[in-house]
């Protein structure tokens, strides 16, 4: 039976901890940009919200992948 690599597990949890606030911030920023469509920075704020959402999905996937690697090995 293989032991869990705690260092890799901790890295996976760090990825998930960073992804969690971005999961909430991204939709809030997108909603805020859609409420202010006449503002000159509309596209910049919308792009920032989309970037937050994409980053949170990537970090969540990476965190789950890292945790699985620490539990089951390569």
PDB file of N, CA and C in Angstrom:
ATOM      1  N   UNK A   1       0.834  -1.189   0.000  1.00  0.00           N
ATOM      2  CA  UNK A   1       0.000   0.000   0.000  1.00  0.00           C
ATOM      3  C   UNK A   1       0.879   1.253   0.000  1.00  0.00           C
ATOM      4  N   UNK A   2       0.524   2.185  -0.836  1.00  0.00           N
ATOM      5  CA  UNK A   2       1.308   3.403  -1.006  1.00  0.00           C
ATOM      6  C   UNK A   2       0.817   4.482  -0.049  1.00  0.00           C
ATOM      7  N   UNK A   3       1.744   5.234   0.517  1.00  0.00           N
ATOM      8  CA  UNK A   3       1.379   6.323   1.407  1.00  0.00           C
ATOM      9  C   UNK A   3       1.095   7.589   0.605  1.00  0.00           C
ATOM     10  N   UNK A   4       0.314   8.451   1.201  1.00  0.00           N
ATOM     11  CA  UNK A   4      -0.012   9.730   0.572  1.00  0.00           C
ATOM     12  C   UNK A   4       1.168  10.687   0.711  1.00  0.00           C
ATOM     13  N   UNK A   5       1.537  11.312  -0.378  1.00  0.00           N
ATOM     14  CA  UNK A   5       2.589  12.314  -0.353  1.00  0.00           C
ATOM     15  C   UNK A   5       1.975  13.624   0.121  1.00  0.00           C
ATOM     16  N   UNK A   6       2.285  14.003   1.339  1.00  0.00           N
ATOM     17  CA  UNK A   6       1.635  15.170   1.956  1.00  0.00           C
ATOM     18  C   UNK A   6       2.045  16.493   1.302  1.00  0.00           C
ATOM     19  N   UNK A   7       3.252  16.597   0.803  1.00  0.00           N
ATOM     20  CA  UNK A   7       3.682  17.840   0.152  1.00  0.00           C
ATOM     21  C   UNK A   7       2.876  18.089  -1.120  1.00  0.00           C
ATOM     22  N   UNK A   8       2.686  17.045  -1.915  1.00  0.00           N
ATOM     23  CA  UNK A   8       1.906  17.201  -3.143  1.00  0.00           C
ATOM     24  C   UNK A   8       0.442  17.449  -2.808  1.00  0.00           C
ATOM     25  N   UNK A   9      -0.062  16.781  -1.752  1.00  0.00           N
ATOM     26  CA  UNK A   9      -1.436  16.998  -1.326  1.00  0.00           C
ATOM     27  C   UNK A   9      -1.643  18.448  -0.898  1.00  0.00           C
ATOM     28  N   UNK A  10      -0.692  19.004  -0.160  1.00  0.00           N
ATOM     29  CA  UNK A  10      -0.799  20.392   0.280  1.00  0.00           C
ATOM     30  C   UNK A  10      -0.788  21.353  -0.907  1.00  0.00           C
ATOM     31  N   UNK A  11       0.007  21.053  -1.932  1.00  0.00           N
ATOM     32  CA  UNK A  11       0.008  21.895  -3.138  1.00  0.00           C
ATOM     33  C   UNK A  11      -1.353  21.858  -3.826  1.00  0.00           C
ATOM     34  N   UNK A  12      -1.973  20.684  -3.880  1.00  0.00           N
ATOM     35  CA  UNK A  12      -3.299  20.579  -4.478  1.00  0.00           C
ATOM     36  C   UNK A  12      -4.337  21.366  -3.708  1.00  0.00           C
ATOM     37  N   UNK A  13      -4.254  21.331  -2.382  1.00  0.00           N
ATOM     38  CA  UNK A  13      -5.189  22.098  -1.556  1.00  0.00           C
ATOM     39  C   UNK A  13      -4.957  23.592  -1.744  1.00  0.00           C
ATOM     40  N   UNK A  14      -3.697  23.996  -1.941  1.00  0.00           N
ATOM     41  CA  UNK A  14      -3.412  25.416  -2.207  1.00  0.00           C
ATOM     42  C   UNK A  14      -4.050  25.867  -3.510  1.00  0.00           C
ATOM     43  N   UNK A  15      -3.974  25.026  -4.547  1.00  0.00           N
ATOM     44  CA  UNK A  15      -4.630  25.366  -5.811  1.00  0.00           C
ATOM     45  C   UNK A  15      -6.130  25.551  -5.609  1.00  0.00           C
ATOM     46  N   UNK A  16      -6.738  24.654  -4.851  1.00  0.00           N
ATOM     47  CA  UNK A  16      -8.175  24.754  -4.614  1.00  0.00           C
ATOM     48  C   UNK A  16      -8.519  25.986  -3.776  1.00  0.00           C
ATOM     49  N   UNK A  17      -7.648  26.323  -2.825  1.00  0.00           N
ATOM     50  CA  UNK A  17      -7.895  27.502  -1.989  1.00  0.00           C
ATOM     51  C   UNK A  17      -7.802  28.791  -2.804  1.00  0.00           C
ATOM     52  N   UNK A  18      -6.964  28.815  -3.808  1.00  0.00           N
ATOM     53  CA  UNK A  18      -6.871  29.997  -4.670  1.00  0.00           C
ATOM     54  C   UNK A  18      -8.051  30.032  -5.636  1.00  0.00           C
ATOM     55  N   UNK A  19      -8.500  28.854  -6.097  1.00  0.00           N
ATOM     56  CA  UNK A  19      -9.596  28.799  -7.059  1.00  0.00           C
ATOM     57  C   UNK A  19     -10.930  29.186  -6.439  1.00  0.00           C
ATOM     58  N   UNK A  20     -11.128  28.912  -5.154  1.00  0.00           N
ATOM     59  CA  UNK A  20     -12.420  29.162  -4.526  1.00  0.00           C
ATOM     60  C   UNK A  20     -12.853  30.628  -4.572  1.00  0.00           C
ATOM     61  N   UNK A  21     -12.016  31.591  -4.170  1.00  0.00           N
ATOM     62  CA  UNK A  21     -12.464  32.984  -4.273  1.00  0.00           C
ATOM     63  C   UNK A  21     -12.673  33.436  -5.727  1.00  0.00           C
ATOM     64  N   UNK A  22     -11.862  32.893  -6.635  1.00  0.00           N
ATOM     65  CA  UNK A  22     -12.026  33.272  -8.036  1.00  0.00           C
ATOM     66  C   UNK A  22     -13.346  32.759  -8.611  1.00  0.00           C
ATOM     67  N   UNK A  23     -13.829  31.621  -8.080  1.00  0.00           N
ATOM     68  CA  UNK A  23     -15.114  31.085  -8.535  1.00  0.00           C
ATOM     69  C   UNK A  23     -16.264  32.025  -8.209  1.00  0.00           C
ATOM     70  N   UNK A  24     -16.130  32.771  -7.131  1.00  0.00           N
ATOM     71  CA  UNK A  24     -17.163  33.725  -6.761  1.00  0.00           C
ATOM     72  C   UNK A  24     -16.908  35.100  -7.384  1.00  0.00           C
ATOM     73  N   UNK A  25     -15.652  35.490  -7.470  1.00  0.00           N
ATOM     74  CA  UNK A  25     -15.319  36.824  -7.971  1.00  0.00           C
ATOM     75  C   UNK A  25     -15.605  36.959  -9.463  1.00  0.00           C
ATOM     76  N   UNK A  26     -15.322  35.918 -10.235  1.00  0.00           N
ATOM     77  CA  UNK A  26     -15.521  35.989 -11.683  1.00  0.00           C
ATOM     78  C   UNK A  26     -16.950  36.313 -12.084  1.00  0.00           C
ATOM     79  N   UNK A  27     -17.942  35.535 -11.635  1.00  0.00           N
ATOM     80  CA  UNK A  27     -19.333  35.867 -11.988  1.00  0.00           C
ATOM     81  C   UNK A  27     -19.804  37.214 -11.442  1.00  0.00           C
ATOM     82  N   UNK A  28     -19.308  37.605 -10.272  1.00  0.00           N
ATOM     83  CA  UNK A  28     -19.691  38.906  -9.723  1.00  0.00           C
ATOM     84  C   UNK A  28     -19.165  40.027 -10.616  1.00  0.00           C
ATOM     85  N   UNK A  29     -17.928  39.898 -11.076  1.00  0.00           N
ATOM     86  CA  UNK A  29     -17.340  40.918 -11.958  1.00  0.00           C
ATOM     87  C   UNK A  29     -18.070  40.949 -13.297  1.00  0.00           C
ATOM     88  N   UNK A  30     -18.406  39.775 -13.832  1.00  0.00           N
ATOM     89  CA  UNK A  30     -19.139  39.729 -15.106  1.00  0.00           C
ATOM     90  C   UNK A  30     -20.510  40.369 -14.954  1.00  0.00           C
ATOM     91  N   UNK A  31     -21.205  40.061 -13.865  1.00  0.00           N
ATOM     92  CA  UNK A  31     -22.517  40.652 -13.621  1.00  0.00           C
ATOM     93  C   UNK A  31     -22.409  42.165 -13.491  1.00  0.00           C
ATOM     94  N   UNK A  32     -21.375  42.620 -12.793  1.00  0.00           N
ATOM     95  CA  UNK A  32     -21.173  44.060 -12.633  1.00  0.00           C
ATOM     96  C   UNK A  32     -20.916  44.738 -13.973  1.00  0.00           C
ATOM     97  N   UNK A  33     -20.180  44.073 -14.844  1.00  0.00           N
ATOM     98  CA  UNK A  33     -19.903  44.681 -16.146  1.00  0.00           C
ATOM     99  C   UNK A  33     -21.167  44.740 -17.003  1.00  0.00           C
ATOM    100  N   UNK A  34     -22.019  43.723 -16.923  1.00  0.00           N
ATOM    101  CA  UNK A  34     -23.252  43.750 -17.705  1.00  0.00           C
ATOM    102  C   UNK A  34     -24.238  44.802 -17.192  1.00  0.00           C
ATOM    103  N   UNK A  35     -24.157  45.136 -15.907  1.00  0.00           N
ATOM    104  CA  UNK A  35     -25.026  46.177 -15.378  1.00  0.00           C
ATOM    105  C   UNK A  35     -24.573  47.573 -15.819  1.00  0.00           C
ATOM    106  N   UNK A  36     -23.319  47.712 -16.217  1.00  0.00           N
ATOM    107  CA  UNK A  36     -22.762  49.011 -16.620  1.00  0.00           C
ATOM    108  C   UNK A  36     -22.257  48.954 -18.055  1.00  0.00           C
ATOM    109  N   UNK A  37     -23.123  48.589 -18.976  1.00  0.00           N
ATOM    110  CA  UNK A  37     -22.695  48.428 -20.368  1.00  0.00           C
ATOM    111  C   UNK A  37     -22.359  49.748 -21.056  1.00  0.00           C
ATOM    112  N   UNK A  38     -22.818  50.842 -20.534  1.00  0.00           N
ATOM    113  CA  UNK A  38     -22.533  52.145 -21.156  1.00  0.00           C
ATOM    114  C   UNK A  38     -21.221  52.750 -20.663  1.00  0.00           C
ATOM    115  N   UNK A  39     -20.577  52.131 -19.709  1.00  0.00           N
ATOM    116  CA  UNK A  39     -19.332  52.651 -19.150  1.00  0.00           C
ATOM    117  C   UNK A  39     -18.189  52.405 -20.134  1.00  0.00           C
ATOM    118  N   UNK A  40     -17.219  53.321 -20.210  1.00  0.00           N
ATOM    119  CA  UNK A  40     -16.115  53.135 -21.166  1.00  0.00           C
ATOM    120  C   UNK A  40     -15.221  51.931 -20.853  1.00  0.00           C
ATOM    121  N   UNK A  41     -15.192  51.474 -19.628  1.00  0.00           N
ATOM    122  CA  UNK A  41     -14.352  50.333 -19.271  1.00  0.00           C
ATOM    123  C   UNK A  41     -15.134  49.013 -19.269  1.00  0.00           C
ATOM    124  N   UNK A  42     -16.254  48.983 -19.955  1.00  0.00           N
ATOM    125  CA  UNK A  42     -17.112  47.793 -19.979  1.00  0.00           C
ATOM    126  C   UNK A  42     -16.348  46.566 -20.461  1.00  0.00           C
ATOM    127  N   UNK A  43     -15.663  46.681 -21.586  1.00  0.00           N
ATOM    128  CA  UNK A  43     -14.972  45.526 -22.157  1.00  0.00           C
ATOM    129  C   UNK A  43     -13.796  45.091 -21.297  1.00  0.00           C
ATOM    130  N   UNK A  44     -13.117  46.022 -20.657  1.00  0.00           N
ATOM    131  CA  UNK A  44     -11.991  45.672 -19.787  1.00  0.00           C
ATOM    132  C   UNK A  44     -12.480  44.902 -18.555  1.00  0.00           C
ATOM    133  N   UNK A  45     -13.567  45.358 -17.963  1.00  0.00           N
ATOM    134  CA  UNK A  45     -14.109  44.679 -16.787  1.00  0.00           C
ATOM    135  C   UNK A  45     -14.679  43.323 -17.171  1.00  0.00           C
ATOM    136  N   UNK A  46     -15.337  43.243 -18.314  1.00  0.00           N
ATOM    137  CA  UNK A  46     -15.862  41.965 -18.786  1.00  0.00           C
ATOM    138  C   UNK A  46     -14.722  40.977 -19.045  1.00  0.00           C
ATOM    139  N   UNK A  47     -13.652  41.438 -19.647  1.00  0.00           N
ATOM    140  CA  UNK A  47     -12.490  40.588 -19.885  1.00  0.00           C
ATOM    141  C   UNK A  47     -11.860  40.114 -18.587  1.00  0.00           C
ATOM    142  N   UNK A  48     -11.808  40.990 -17.590  1.00  0.00           N
ATOM    143  CA  UNK A  48     -11.269  40.609 -16.289  1.00  0.00           C
ATOM    144  C   UNK A  48     -12.134  39.530 -15.641  1.00  0.00           C
ATOM    145  N   UNK A  49     -13.444  39.665 -15.745  1.00  0.00           N
ATOM    146  CA  UNK A  49     -14.341  38.658 -15.185  1.00  0.00           C
ATOM    147  C   UNK A  49     -14.195  37.317 -15.882  1.00  0.00           C
ATOM    148  N   UNK A  50     -14.090  37.340 -17.194  1.00  0.00           N
ATOM    149  CA  UNK A  50     -13.909  36.096 -17.950  1.00  0.00           C
ATOM    150  C   UNK A  50     -12.567  35.465 -17.610  1.00  0.00           C
ATOM    151  N   UNK A  51     -11.542  36.283 -17.466  1.00  0.00           N
ATOM    152  CA  UNK A  51     -10.228  35.776 -17.087  1.00  0.00           C
ATOM    153  C   UNK A  51     -10.254  35.129 -15.699  1.00  0.00           C
ATOM    154  N   UNK A  52     -10.980  35.738 -14.766  1.00  0.00           N
ATOM    155  CA  UNK A  52     -11.113  35.148 -13.428  1.00  0.00           C
ATOM    156  C   UNK A  52     -11.810  33.799 -13.491  1.00  0.00           C
ATOM    157  N   UNK A  53     -12.857  33.697 -14.296  1.00  0.00           N
ATOM    158  CA  UNK A  53     -13.578  32.426 -14.422  1.00  0.00           C
ATOM    159  C   UNK A  53     -12.706  31.343 -15.043  1.00  0.00           C
ATOM    160  N   UNK A  54     -11.991  31.679 -16.098  1.00  0.00           N
ATOM    161  CA  UNK A  54     -11.127  30.697 -16.757  1.00  0.00           C
ATOM    162  C   UNK A  54      -9.995  30.271 -15.820  1.00  0.00           C
ATOM    163  N   UNK A  55      -9.425  31.228 -15.100  1.00  0.00           N
ATOM    164  CA  UNK A  55      -8.353  30.909 -14.164  1.00  0.00           C
ATOM    165  C   UNK A  55      -8.853  30.010 -13.037  1.00  0.00           C
ATOM    166  N   UNK A  56     -10.052  30.275 -12.544  1.00  0.00           N
ATOM    167  CA  UNK A  56     -10.580  29.432 -11.473  1.00  0.00           C
ATOM    168  C   UNK A  56     -10.838  28.011 -11.961  1.00  0.00           C
ATOM    169  N   UNK A  57     -11.326  27.858 -13.197  1.00  0.00           N
ATOM    170  CA  UNK A  57     -11.537  26.506 -13.731  1.00  0.00           C
ATOM    171  C   UNK A  57     -10.211  25.773 -13.878  1.00  0.00           C
ATOM    172  N   UNK A  58      -9.201  26.476 -14.377  1.00  0.00           N
ATOM    173  CA  UNK A  58      -7.887  25.852 -14.547  1.00  0.00           C
ATOM    174  C   UNK A  58      -7.299  25.443 -13.198  1.00  0.00           C
ATOM    175  N   UNK A  59      -7.357  26.337 -12.203  1.00  0.00           N
ATOM    176  CA  UNK A  59      -6.783  26.031 -10.896  1.00  0.00           C
ATOM    177  C   UNK A  59      -7.551  24.912 -10.193  1.00  0.00           C
ATOM    178  N   UNK A  60      -8.872  24.872 -10.381  1.00  0.00           N
ATOM    179  CA  UNK A  60      -9.661  23.804  -9.789  1.00  0.00           C
ATOM    180  C   UNK A  60      -9.275  22.456 -10.405  1.00  0.00           C
ATOM    181  N   UNK A  61      -9.170  22.414 -11.728  1.00  0.00           N
ATOM    182  CA  UNK A  61      -8.753  21.189 -12.404  1.00  0.00           C
ATOM    183  C   UNK A  61      -7.360  20.775 -11.965  1.00  0.00           C
ATOM    184  N   UNK A  62      -6.459  21.735 -11.906  1.00  0.00           N
ATOM    185  CA  UNK A  62      -5.082  21.446 -11.509  1.00  0.00           C
ATOM    186  C   UNK A  62      -5.009  20.959 -10.062  1.00  0.00           C
ATOM    187  N   UNK A  63      -5.826  21.549  -9.186  1.00  0.00           N
ATOM    188  CA  UNK A  63      -5.848  21.133  -7.788  1.00  0.00           C
ATOM    189  C   UNK A  63      -6.360  19.716  -7.620  1.00  0.00           C
ATOM    190  N   UNK A  64      -7.463  19.377  -8.298  1.00  0.00           N
ATOM    191  CA  UNK A  64      -7.997  18.016  -8.222  1.00  0.00           C
ATOM    192  C   UNK A  64      -6.996  17.024  -8.807  1.00  0.00           C
ATOM    193  N   UNK A  65      -6.368  17.389  -9.907  1.00  0.00           N
ATOM    194  CA  UNK A  65      -5.371  16.521 -10.536  1.00  0.00           C
ATOM    195  C   UNK A  65      -4.185  16.291  -9.607  1.00  0.00           C
ATOM    196  N   UNK A  66      -3.743  17.330  -8.922  1.00  0.00           N
ATOM    197  CA  UNK A  66      -2.606  17.216  -8.001  1.00  0.00           C
ATOM    198  C   UNK A  66      -2.977  16.371  -6.794  1.00  0.00           C
ATOM    199  N   UNK A  67      -4.176  16.540  -6.280  1.00  0.00           N
ATOM    200  CA  UNK A  67      -4.610  15.725  -5.143  1.00  0.00           C
ATOM    201  C   UNK A  67      -4.702  14.256  -5.540  1.00  0.00           C
ATOM    202  N   UNK A  68      -5.227  13.985  -6.713  1.00  0.00           N
ATOM    203  CA  UNK A  68      -5.298  12.583  -7.165  1.00  0.00           C
ATOM    204  C   UNK A  68      -3.906  11.989  -7.346  1.00  0.00           C
ATOM    205  N   UNK A  69      -2.960  12.814  -7.818  1.00  0.00           N
ATOM    206  CA  UNK A  69      -1.578  12.345  -7.978  1.00  0.00           C
ATOM    207  C   UNK A  69      -0.970  12.012  -6.623  1.00  0.00           C
ATOM    208  N   UNK A  70      -1.290  12.822  -5.597  1.00  0.00           N
ATOM    209  CA  UNK A  70      -0.718  12.561  -4.283  1.00  0.00           C
ATOM    210  C   UNK A  70      -1.332  11.325  -3.633  1.00  0.00           C
ATOM    211  N   UNK A  71      -2.588  11.044  -3.926  1.00  0.00           N
ATOM    212  CA  UNK A  71      -3.239   9.888  -3.330  1.00  0.00           C
ATOM    213  C   UNK A  71      -2.885   8.588  -4.021  1.00  0.00           C
ATOM    214  N   UNK A  72      -2.860   8.598  -5.355  1.00  0.00           N
ATOM    215  CA  UNK A  72      -2.705   7.363  -6.101  1.00  0.00           C
ATOM    216  C   UNK A  72      -1.371   7.236  -6.820  1.00  0.00           C
ATOM    217  N   UNK A  73      -0.521   8.212  -6.734  1.00  0.00           N
ATOM    218  CA  UNK A  73       0.769   8.169  -7.433  1.00  0.00           C
ATOM    219  C   UNK A  73       0.593   8.539  -8.901  1.00  0.00           C
ATOM    220  N   UNK A  74       1.624   8.340  -9.679  1.00  0.00           N
ATOM    221  CA  UNK A  74       1.557   8.715 -11.088  1.00  0.00           C
ATOM    222  C   UNK A  74       0.759   7.695 -11.826  1.00  0.00           C
TER     223      UNK A  74
END
